[in-house]
């Protein structure tokens, strides 16, 4: 709902939200679905799910749902977007992500939060540290920062 609200508020329409279910990117080869299949492979002329969506609609809110389920190679692609604000698709076109907002959701640490949240939704420092320790074990530091 946050992503839809942001898209609607910032870009005047919920249609500016791009939702990608990261559980569909668990395999090493699935990274090609994000940026497009390499030349000579089936689907090369279709482009990637993420790159085509942003190329066609550069002002977007991108929701990467359940990011923890993605293969580690997917994170390398995401790091390029986060660090440089651009990505080259399989056709050699540079796709500009500088006008996008990227939201990543994860269930990592949710059980600790549920068990330790105080009245009125207060999260103690110890609980926050425990969740951050789990996140740091799972994600590269560049993703956390």
C-alpha atoms as a PDB file:
ATOM      1  CA  UNK A   1       0.000   0.000   0.000  1.00  0.00           C
ATOM      2  CA  UNK A   2       2.882   2.385   0.706  1.00  0.00           C
ATOM      3  CA  UNK A   3       4.220   1.919  -2.824  1.00  0.00           C
ATOM      4  CA  UNK A   4       0.790   2.557  -4.364  1.00  0.00           C
ATOM      5  CA  UNK A   5       0.284   5.659  -2.237  1.00  0.00           C
ATOM      6  CA  UNK A   6       3.704   7.019  -3.173  1.00  0.00           C
ATOM      7  CA  UNK A   7       3.105   6.385  -6.870  1.00  0.00           C
ATOM      8  CA  UNK A   8      -0.273   8.058  -6.690  1.00  0.00           C
ATOM      9  CA  UNK A   9       1.001  11.046  -4.707  1.00  0.00           C
ATOM     10  CA  UNK A  10       4.246  11.627  -6.585  1.00  0.00           C
ATOM     11  CA  UNK A  11       3.265  10.603 -10.098  1.00  0.00           C
ATOM     12  CA  UNK A  12      -0.531  11.087 -10.033  1.00  0.00           C
ATOM     13  CA  UNK A  13      -1.373   7.439 -10.652  1.00  0.00           C
ATOM     14  CA  UNK A  14      -0.986   4.000  -9.088  1.00  0.00           C
ATOM     15  CA  UNK A  15      -0.017   2.857 -12.598  1.00  0.00           C
ATOM     16  CA  UNK A  16       3.421   4.293 -11.877  1.00  0.00           C
ATOM     17  CA  UNK A  17       4.085   1.445  -9.451  1.00  0.00           C
ATOM     18  CA  UNK A  18       6.147  -1.466 -10.729  1.00  0.00           C
ATOM     19  CA  UNK A  19       5.783  -4.558  -8.527  1.00  0.00           C
ATOM     20  CA  UNK A  20       8.233  -7.401  -8.893  1.00  0.00           C
ATOM     21  CA  UNK A  21       7.783 -10.602  -6.899  1.00  0.00           C
ATOM     22  CA  UNK A  22      11.349 -11.547  -6.041  1.00  0.00           C
ATOM     23  CA  UNK A  23      10.376 -15.160  -5.294  1.00  0.00           C
ATOM     24  CA  UNK A  24      10.333 -15.518  -9.092  1.00  0.00           C
ATOM     25  CA  UNK A  25      14.062 -14.720  -9.159  1.00  0.00           C
ATOM     26  CA  UNK A  26      15.427 -17.494  -6.947  1.00  0.00           C
ATOM     27  CA  UNK A  27      17.496 -19.158  -9.666  1.00  0.00           C
ATOM     28  CA  UNK A  28      20.842 -17.925 -10.986  1.00  0.00           C
ATOM     29  CA  UNK A  29      19.605 -17.669 -14.576  1.00  0.00           C
ATOM     30  CA  UNK A  30      16.537 -15.633 -13.578  1.00  0.00           C
ATOM     31  CA  UNK A  31      18.555 -12.405 -13.476  1.00  0.00           C
ATOM     32  CA  UNK A  32      18.195 -12.336 -17.264  1.00  0.00           C
ATOM     33  CA  UNK A  33      14.441 -11.902 -16.803  1.00  0.00           C
ATOM     34  CA  UNK A  34      15.116  -8.581 -15.045  1.00  0.00           C
ATOM     35  CA  UNK A  35      17.413  -7.095 -17.695  1.00  0.00           C
ATOM     36  CA  UNK A  36      16.580  -9.256 -20.722  1.00  0.00           C
ATOM     37  CA  UNK A  37      18.014 -12.397 -22.252  1.00  0.00           C
ATOM     38  CA  UNK A  38      21.469 -12.141 -23.841  1.00  0.00           C
ATOM     39  CA  UNK A  39      21.753 -11.985 -27.656  1.00  0.00           C
ATOM     40  CA  UNK A  40      21.132 -15.363 -29.255  1.00  0.00           C
ATOM     41  CA  UNK A  41      18.892 -16.600 -26.452  1.00  0.00           C
ATOM     42  CA  UNK A  42      15.135 -17.088 -26.565  1.00  0.00           C
ATOM     43  CA  UNK A  43      13.316 -13.897 -25.579  1.00  0.00           C
ATOM     44  CA  UNK A  44      16.173 -11.533 -26.409  1.00  0.00           C
ATOM     45  CA  UNK A  45      13.862  -9.201 -28.333  1.00  0.00           C
ATOM     46  CA  UNK A  46      11.404  -8.938 -25.412  1.00  0.00           C
ATOM     47  CA  UNK A  47      13.628  -7.027 -22.993  1.00  0.00           C
ATOM     48  CA  UNK A  48      13.725  -7.444 -19.235  1.00  0.00           C
ATOM     49  CA  UNK A  49      10.812  -7.153 -16.835  1.00  0.00           C
ATOM     50  CA  UNK A  50      12.466  -4.396 -14.798  1.00  0.00           C
ATOM     51  CA  UNK A  51      14.401  -2.563 -17.499  1.00  0.00           C
ATOM     52  CA  UNK A  52      11.481  -2.447 -19.944  1.00  0.00           C
ATOM     53  CA  UNK A  53       9.055  -1.241 -17.290  1.00  0.00           C
ATOM     54  CA  UNK A  54      11.387   1.605 -16.247  1.00  0.00           C
ATOM     55  CA  UNK A  55      12.372   2.438 -19.821  1.00  0.00           C
ATOM     56  CA  UNK A  56       8.690   2.862 -20.727  1.00  0.00           C
ATOM     57  CA  UNK A  57       7.786   4.605 -17.474  1.00  0.00           C
ATOM     58  CA  UNK A  58      10.892   6.308 -16.015  1.00  0.00           C
ATOM     59  CA  UNK A  59       8.978   8.053 -13.217  1.00  0.00           C
ATOM     60  CA  UNK A  60       8.004   5.079 -11.071  1.00  0.00           C
ATOM     61  CA  UNK A  61       7.923   3.522  -7.649  1.00  0.00           C
ATOM     62  CA  UNK A  62       9.528   0.081  -7.844  1.00  0.00           C
ATOM     63  CA  UNK A  63       8.404  -2.469  -5.262  1.00  0.00           C
ATOM     64  CA  UNK A  64      10.767  -5.432  -4.914  1.00  0.00           C
ATOM     65  CA  UNK A  65       8.597  -7.732  -2.836  1.00  0.00           C
ATOM     66  CA  UNK A  66      10.254 -10.329  -0.572  1.00  0.00           C
ATOM     67  CA  UNK A  67      13.754  -9.352  -1.634  1.00  0.00           C
ATOM     68  CA  UNK A  68      15.338 -12.042   0.554  1.00  0.00           C
ATOM     69  CA  UNK A  69      14.101 -14.708  -1.867  1.00  0.00           C
ATOM     70  CA  UNK A  70      16.133 -13.393  -4.814  1.00  0.00           C
ATOM     71  CA  UNK A  71      19.321 -15.115  -5.971  1.00  0.00           C
ATOM     72  CA  UNK A  72      22.569 -13.369  -4.998  1.00  0.00           C
ATOM     73  CA  UNK A  73      23.263 -12.478  -8.663  1.00  0.00           C
ATOM     74  CA  UNK A  74      20.088 -10.381  -8.640  1.00  0.00           C
ATOM     75  CA  UNK A  75      21.611  -8.297  -5.842  1.00  0.00           C
ATOM     76  CA  UNK A  76      24.587  -7.463  -8.065  1.00  0.00           C
ATOM     77  CA  UNK A  77      22.197  -5.963 -10.610  1.00  0.00           C
ATOM     78  CA  UNK A  78      20.354  -4.069  -7.886  1.00  0.00           C
ATOM     79  CA  UNK A  79      23.618  -2.695  -6.501  1.00  0.00           C
ATOM     80  CA  UNK A  80      24.417  -1.177  -9.878  1.00  0.00           C
ATOM     81  CA  UNK A  81      21.029   0.548  -9.885  1.00  0.00           C
ATOM     82  CA  UNK A  82      21.442   1.775  -6.307  1.00  0.00           C
ATOM     83  CA  UNK A  83      25.028   2.971  -6.776  1.00  0.00           C
ATOM     84  CA  UNK A  84      24.921   4.424 -10.283  1.00  0.00           C
ATOM     85  CA  UNK A  85      21.233   5.096 -10.916  1.00  0.00           C
ATOM     86  CA  UNK A  86      21.358   3.290 -14.231  1.00  0.00           C
ATOM     87  CA  UNK A  87      21.520  -0.161 -15.745  1.00  0.00           C
ATOM     88  CA  UNK A  88      22.385  -1.456 -19.192  1.00  0.00           C
ATOM     89  CA  UNK A  89      19.842  -3.917 -20.540  1.00  0.00           C
ATOM     90  CA  UNK A  90      20.569  -6.962 -22.703  1.00  0.00           C
ATOM     91  CA  UNK A  91      20.224  -4.867 -25.869  1.00  0.00           C
ATOM     92  CA  UNK A  92      22.935  -2.457 -24.742  1.00  0.00           C
ATOM     93  CA  UNK A  93      20.524   0.369 -23.914  1.00  0.00           C
ATOM     94  CA  UNK A  94      21.168   2.380 -20.791  1.00  0.00           C
ATOM     95  CA  UNK A  95      18.072   2.565 -18.595  1.00  0.00           C
ATOM     96  CA  UNK A  96      17.929   5.537 -16.230  1.00  0.00           C
ATOM     97  CA  UNK A  97      16.648   4.819 -12.705  1.00  0.00           C
ATOM     98  CA  UNK A  98      17.345   8.289 -11.310  1.00  0.00           C
ATOM     99  CA  UNK A  99      13.642   9.195 -11.299  1.00  0.00           C
ATOM    100  CA  UNK A 100      12.523   6.042  -9.526  1.00  0.00           C
ATOM    101  CA  UNK A 101      11.954   5.225  -5.880  1.00  0.00           C
ATOM    102  CA  UNK A 102      12.909   1.683  -4.916  1.00  0.00           C
ATOM    103  CA  UNK A 103      11.183  -0.060  -2.011  1.00  0.00           C
ATOM    104  CA  UNK A 104      12.332  -3.510  -0.894  1.00  0.00           C
ATOM    105  CA  UNK A 105      10.221  -5.618   1.436  1.00  0.00           C
ATOM    106  CA  UNK A 106      11.463  -8.529   3.510  1.00  0.00           C
ATOM    107  CA  UNK A 107      10.141 -10.848   6.177  1.00  0.00           C
ATOM    108  CA  UNK A 108      13.588 -11.326   7.700  1.00  0.00           C
ATOM    109  CA  UNK A 109      13.418 -10.534  11.403  1.00  0.00           C
ATOM    110  CA  UNK A 110       9.642 -10.250  11.419  1.00  0.00           C
ATOM    111  CA  UNK A 111       9.253 -13.024  13.995  1.00  0.00           C
ATOM    112  CA  UNK A 112      11.603 -11.229  16.403  1.00  0.00           C
ATOM    113  CA  UNK A 113       9.655  -8.016  15.909  1.00  0.00           C
ATOM    114  CA  UNK A 114       6.312  -9.721  16.530  1.00  0.00           C
ATOM    115  CA  UNK A 115       7.573 -11.376  19.696  1.00  0.00           C
ATOM    116  CA  UNK A 116       9.222  -8.256  21.129  1.00  0.00           C
ATOM    117  CA  UNK A 117       7.176  -5.253  20.085  1.00  0.00           C
ATOM    118  CA  UNK A 118       5.910  -3.262  23.060  1.00  0.00           C
ATOM    119  CA  UNK A 119       2.628  -1.452  23.559  1.00  0.00           C
ATOM    120  CA  UNK A 120       1.898   1.256  20.995  1.00  0.00           C
ATOM    121  CA  UNK A 121       4.348  -0.350  18.554  1.00  0.00           C
ATOM    122  CA  UNK A 122       7.514   0.599  20.452  1.00  0.00           C
ATOM    123  CA  UNK A 123      10.597  -1.352  19.397  1.00  0.00           C
ATOM    124  CA  UNK A 124      13.372  -1.617  21.974  1.00  0.00           C
ATOM    125  CA  UNK A 125      17.021  -1.033  21.116  1.00  0.00           C
ATOM    126  CA  UNK A 126      17.786  -4.708  21.821  1.00  0.00           C
ATOM    127  CA  UNK A 127      15.086  -5.836  19.403  1.00  0.00           C
ATOM    128  CA  UNK A 128      16.348  -3.453  16.735  1.00  0.00           C
ATOM    129  CA  UNK A 129      19.911  -4.758  17.198  1.00  0.00           C
ATOM    130  CA  UNK A 130      18.720  -8.374  16.939  1.00  0.00           C
ATOM    131  CA  UNK A 131      16.882  -7.665  13.683  1.00  0.00           C
ATOM    132  CA  UNK A 132      19.845  -5.722  12.267  1.00  0.00           C
ATOM    133  CA  UNK A 133      22.174  -8.636  13.118  1.00  0.00           C
ATOM    134  CA  UNK A 134      19.980 -10.998  11.105  1.00  0.00           C
ATOM    135  CA  UNK A 135      19.766  -8.532   8.198  1.00  0.00           C
ATOM    136  CA  UNK A 136      23.546  -8.069   8.213  1.00  0.00           C
ATOM    137  CA  UNK A 137      24.040 -11.839   8.040  1.00  0.00           C
ATOM    138  CA  UNK A 138      21.739 -12.135   5.052  1.00  0.00           C
ATOM    139  CA  UNK A 139      22.373  -9.020   2.953  1.00  0.00           C
ATOM    140  CA  UNK A 140      25.563  -7.422   1.669  1.00  0.00           C
ATOM    141  CA  UNK A 141      26.507  -4.230   3.547  1.00  0.00           C
ATOM    142  CA  UNK A 142      25.886  -2.185   0.388  1.00  0.00           C
ATOM    143  CA  UNK A 143      22.232  -3.226   0.400  1.00  0.00           C
ATOM    144  CA  UNK A 144      21.767  -2.427   4.099  1.00  0.00           C
ATOM    145  CA  UNK A 145      23.349   1.015   3.762  1.00  0.00           C
END
